[in-house]
Amino acid sequence: MDTPPAVPAVTTALDQFEVACAAVAVAIAAVPDARARFAAATCFGDRLAEHAQTAATARAAVAEGIRAAESLSFAGLANRLDISRARAAQLVSRGRRPAHQRRTKVVA
């Protein structure tokens, strides 16, 4: 998914992130020992999962912020964000939780 053109700093950072991820994948592939390569790939996956959690938390907080600022119902938020009503409710629920409770279980 592309970032909006009005957010060039985000686009640049995501491009750099993609380059870094590709470099990690190349480095992992170059590890000669299979067990070490597996451990490195596992570490890479774990780090990516942490970043996915951070992104999901940010997205939920923004959705809750939009809902509160515009006094929207779940249906209104769903329409505003072009998502389902159920997904809007999930985002708002997660966005309302204190930061230390926002983590969701990641299945490896």
C-alpha atoms as a PDB file:
ATOM      1  CA  MET A   1       0.000   0.000   0.000  1.00  0.00           C
ATOM      2  CA  ASP A   2       1.361   3.398  -0.952  1.00  0.00           C
ATOM      3  CA  THR A   3       1.537   6.339   1.401  1.00  0.00           C
ATOM      4  CA  PRO A   4      -0.305   9.515   0.524  1.00  0.00           C
ATOM      5  CA  PRO A   5       1.837  11.868  -1.586  1.00  0.00           C
ATOM      6  CA  ALA A   6       1.220  14.634   0.962  1.00  0.00           C
ATOM      7  CA  VAL A   7       3.439  12.761   3.431  1.00  0.00           C
ATOM      8  CA  PRO A   8       6.889  12.717   1.776  1.00  0.00           C
ATOM      9  CA  ALA A   9       8.768  12.115   5.037  1.00  0.00           C
ATOM     10  CA  VAL A  10       6.762   8.920   5.605  1.00  0.00           C
ATOM     11  CA  THR A  11       7.301   7.815   2.002  1.00  0.00           C
ATOM     12  CA  THR A  12      11.056   8.371   2.331  1.00  0.00           C
ATOM     13  CA  ALA A  13      11.251   6.526   5.658  1.00  0.00           C
ATOM     14  CA  LEU A  14       9.252   3.575   4.295  1.00  0.00           C
ATOM     15  CA  ASP A  15      11.497   3.415   1.218  1.00  0.00           C
ATOM     16  CA  GLN A  16      14.534   3.297   3.526  1.00  0.00           C
ATOM     17  CA  PHE A  17      12.832   0.610   5.613  1.00  0.00           C
ATOM     18  CA  GLU A  18      12.267  -1.520   2.501  1.00  0.00           C
ATOM     19  CA  VAL A  19      15.916  -1.139   1.481  1.00  0.00           C
ATOM     20  CA  ALA A  20      17.018  -2.112   4.990  1.00  0.00           C
ATOM     21  CA  CYS A  21      14.719  -5.166   5.011  1.00  0.00           C
ATOM     22  CA  ALA A  22      16.107  -6.284   1.653  1.00  0.00           C
ATOM     23  CA  ALA A  23      19.647  -5.897   2.995  1.00  0.00           C
ATOM     24  CA  VAL A  24      18.783  -8.022   6.033  1.00  0.00           C
ATOM     25  CA  ALA A  25      17.297 -10.729   3.802  1.00  0.00           C
ATOM     26  CA  VAL A  26      20.475 -10.778   1.674  1.00  0.00           C
ATOM     27  CA  ALA A  27      22.647 -10.934   4.799  1.00  0.00           C
ATOM     28  CA  ILE A  28      20.585 -13.803   6.190  1.00  0.00           C
ATOM     29  CA  ALA A  29      20.827 -15.718   2.919  1.00  0.00           C
ATOM     30  CA  ALA A  30      24.614 -15.342   3.061  1.00  0.00           C
ATOM     31  CA  VAL A  31      24.946 -17.007   6.485  1.00  0.00           C
ATOM     32  CA  PRO A  32      26.627 -20.337   5.711  1.00  0.00           C
ATOM     33  CA  ASP A  33      25.410 -22.336   8.712  1.00  0.00           C
ATOM     34  CA  ALA A  34      21.750 -23.397   8.402  1.00  0.00           C
ATOM     35  CA  ARG A  35      21.031 -23.165  12.134  1.00  0.00           C
ATOM     36  CA  ALA A  36      22.572 -19.708  12.362  1.00  0.00           C
ATOM     37  CA  ARG A  37      20.670 -18.673   9.222  1.00  0.00           C
ATOM     38  CA  PHE A  38      17.434 -19.944  10.798  1.00  0.00           C
ATOM     39  CA  ALA A  39      18.161 -18.057  14.033  1.00  0.00           C
ATOM     40  CA  ALA A  40      18.896 -14.886  12.076  1.00  0.00           C
ATOM     41  CA  ALA A  41      15.675 -15.251  10.076  1.00  0.00           C
ATOM     42  CA  THR A  42      13.753 -15.800  13.313  1.00  0.00           C
ATOM     43  CA  CYS A  43      15.272 -12.674  14.820  1.00  0.00           C
ATOM     44  CA  PHE A  44      14.364 -10.730  11.679  1.00  0.00           C
ATOM     45  CA  GLY A  45      10.778 -11.972  11.853  1.00  0.00           C
ATOM     46  CA  ASP A  46      10.526 -11.095  15.536  1.00  0.00           C
ATOM     47  CA  ARG A  47      11.773  -7.550  14.866  1.00  0.00           C
ATOM     48  CA  LEU A  48       9.306  -7.130  12.000  1.00  0.00           C
ATOM     49  CA  ALA A  49       6.484  -8.330  14.265  1.00  0.00           C
ATOM     50  CA  GLU A  50       7.455  -5.685  16.829  1.00  0.00           C
ATOM     51  CA  HIS A  51       7.296  -3.021  14.119  1.00  0.00           C
ATOM     52  CA  ALA A  52       3.924  -4.350  12.971  1.00  0.00           C
ATOM     53  CA  GLN A  53       2.646  -3.989  16.550  1.00  0.00           C
ATOM     54  CA  THR A  54       3.870  -0.392  16.678  1.00  0.00           C
ATOM     55  CA  ALA A  55       2.131   0.395  13.382  1.00  0.00           C
ATOM     56  CA  ALA A  56      -1.111  -1.256  14.494  1.00  0.00           C
ATOM     57  CA  THR A  57      -1.085   0.684  17.751  1.00  0.00           C
ATOM     58  CA  ALA A  58      -0.485   3.963  15.933  1.00  0.00           C
ATOM     59  CA  ARG A  59      -3.278   3.205  13.456  1.00  0.00           C
ATOM     60  CA  ALA A  60      -5.724   2.412  16.252  1.00  0.00           C
ATOM     61  CA  ALA A  61      -4.839   5.582  18.148  1.00  0.00           C
ATOM     62  CA  VAL A  62      -5.357   7.681  15.009  1.00  0.00           C
ATOM     63  CA  ALA A  63      -8.712   6.022  14.311  1.00  0.00           C
ATOM     64  CA  GLU A  64      -9.850   6.706  17.880  1.00  0.00           C
ATOM     65  CA  GLY A  65      -8.604  10.285  17.543  1.00  0.00           C
ATOM     66  CA  ILE A  66     -10.610  10.811  14.347  1.00  0.00           C
ATOM     67  CA  ARG A  67     -13.704   9.277  15.945  1.00  0.00           C
ATOM     68  CA  ALA A  68     -13.427  11.508  19.013  1.00  0.00           C
ATOM     69  CA  ALA A  69     -12.552  14.706  17.143  1.00  0.00           C
ATOM     70  CA  GLU A  70     -15.413  14.304  14.674  1.00  0.00           C
ATOM     71  CA  SER A  71     -17.896  12.755  17.134  1.00  0.00           C
ATOM     72  CA  LEU A  72     -18.415   9.789  14.822  1.00  0.00           C
ATOM     73  CA  SER A  73     -20.281   6.579  15.490  1.00  0.00           C
ATOM     74  CA  PHE A  74     -18.578   3.312  14.549  1.00  0.00           C
ATOM     75  CA  ALA A  75     -20.555   3.348  11.315  1.00  0.00           C
ATOM     76  CA  GLY A  76     -19.477   6.933  10.617  1.00  0.00           C
ATOM     77  CA  LEU A  77     -15.839   6.109  11.321  1.00  0.00           C
ATOM     78  CA  ALA A  78     -16.079   3.028   9.126  1.00  0.00           C
ATOM     79  CA  ASN A  79     -17.426   5.154   6.289  1.00  0.00           C
ATOM     80  CA  ARG A  80     -14.771   7.845   6.867  1.00  0.00           C
ATOM     81  CA  LEU A  81     -11.910   5.310   6.786  1.00  0.00           C
ATOM     82  CA  ASP A  82     -13.449   2.960   4.194  1.00  0.00           C
ATOM     83  CA  ILE A  83     -13.354  -0.032   6.531  1.00  0.00           C
ATOM     84  CA  SER A  84     -16.044  -2.280   7.991  1.00  0.00           C
ATOM     85  CA  ARG A  85     -18.026  -1.213  11.042  1.00  0.00           C
ATOM     86  CA  ALA A  86     -16.634  -4.196  12.960  1.00  0.00           C
ATOM     87  CA  ARG A  87     -13.063  -3.171  12.118  1.00  0.00           C
ATOM     88  CA  ALA A  88     -13.800   0.413  13.177  1.00  0.00           C
ATOM     89  CA  ALA A  89     -15.054  -0.868  16.535  1.00  0.00           C
ATOM     90  CA  GLN A  90     -11.909  -2.982  16.979  1.00  0.00           C
ATOM     91  CA  LEU A  91      -9.638  -0.033  16.184  1.00  0.00           C
ATOM     92  CA  VAL A  92     -11.472   2.272  18.573  1.00  0.00           C
ATOM     93  CA  SER A  93     -11.352  -0.349  21.314  1.00  0.00           C
ATOM     94  CA  ARG A  94      -7.628  -0.804  20.867  1.00  0.00           C
ATOM     95  CA  GLY A  95      -7.053   2.940  20.537  1.00  0.00           C
ATOM     96  CA  ARG A  96      -8.840   3.607  23.834  1.00  0.00           C
ATOM     97  CA  ARG A  97      -6.736   1.170  25.859  1.00  0.00           C
ATOM     98  CA  PRO A  98      -3.763   2.496  27.796  1.00  0.00           C
ATOM     99  CA  ALA A  99      -0.506   2.105  25.851  1.00  0.00           C
ATOM    100  CA  HIS A 100       0.757  -0.785  27.984  1.00  0.00           C
ATOM    101  CA  GLN A 101      -2.406  -2.781  27.192  1.00  0.00           C
ATOM    102  CA  ARG A 102      -2.477  -2.197  23.420  1.00  0.00           C
ATOM    103  CA  ARG A 103      -0.212  -5.045  22.432  1.00  0.00           C
ATOM    104  CA  THR A 104      -1.876  -7.909  20.614  1.00  0.00           C
ATOM    105  CA  LYS A 105      -0.632 -11.450  20.373  1.00  0.00           C
ATOM    106  CA  VAL A 106       1.569 -12.092  17.364  1.00  0.00           C
ATOM    107  CA  VAL A 107       1.546 -15.592  15.957  1.00  0.00           C
ATOM    108  CA  ALA A 108       4.898 -16.570  14.476  1.00  0.00           C
END
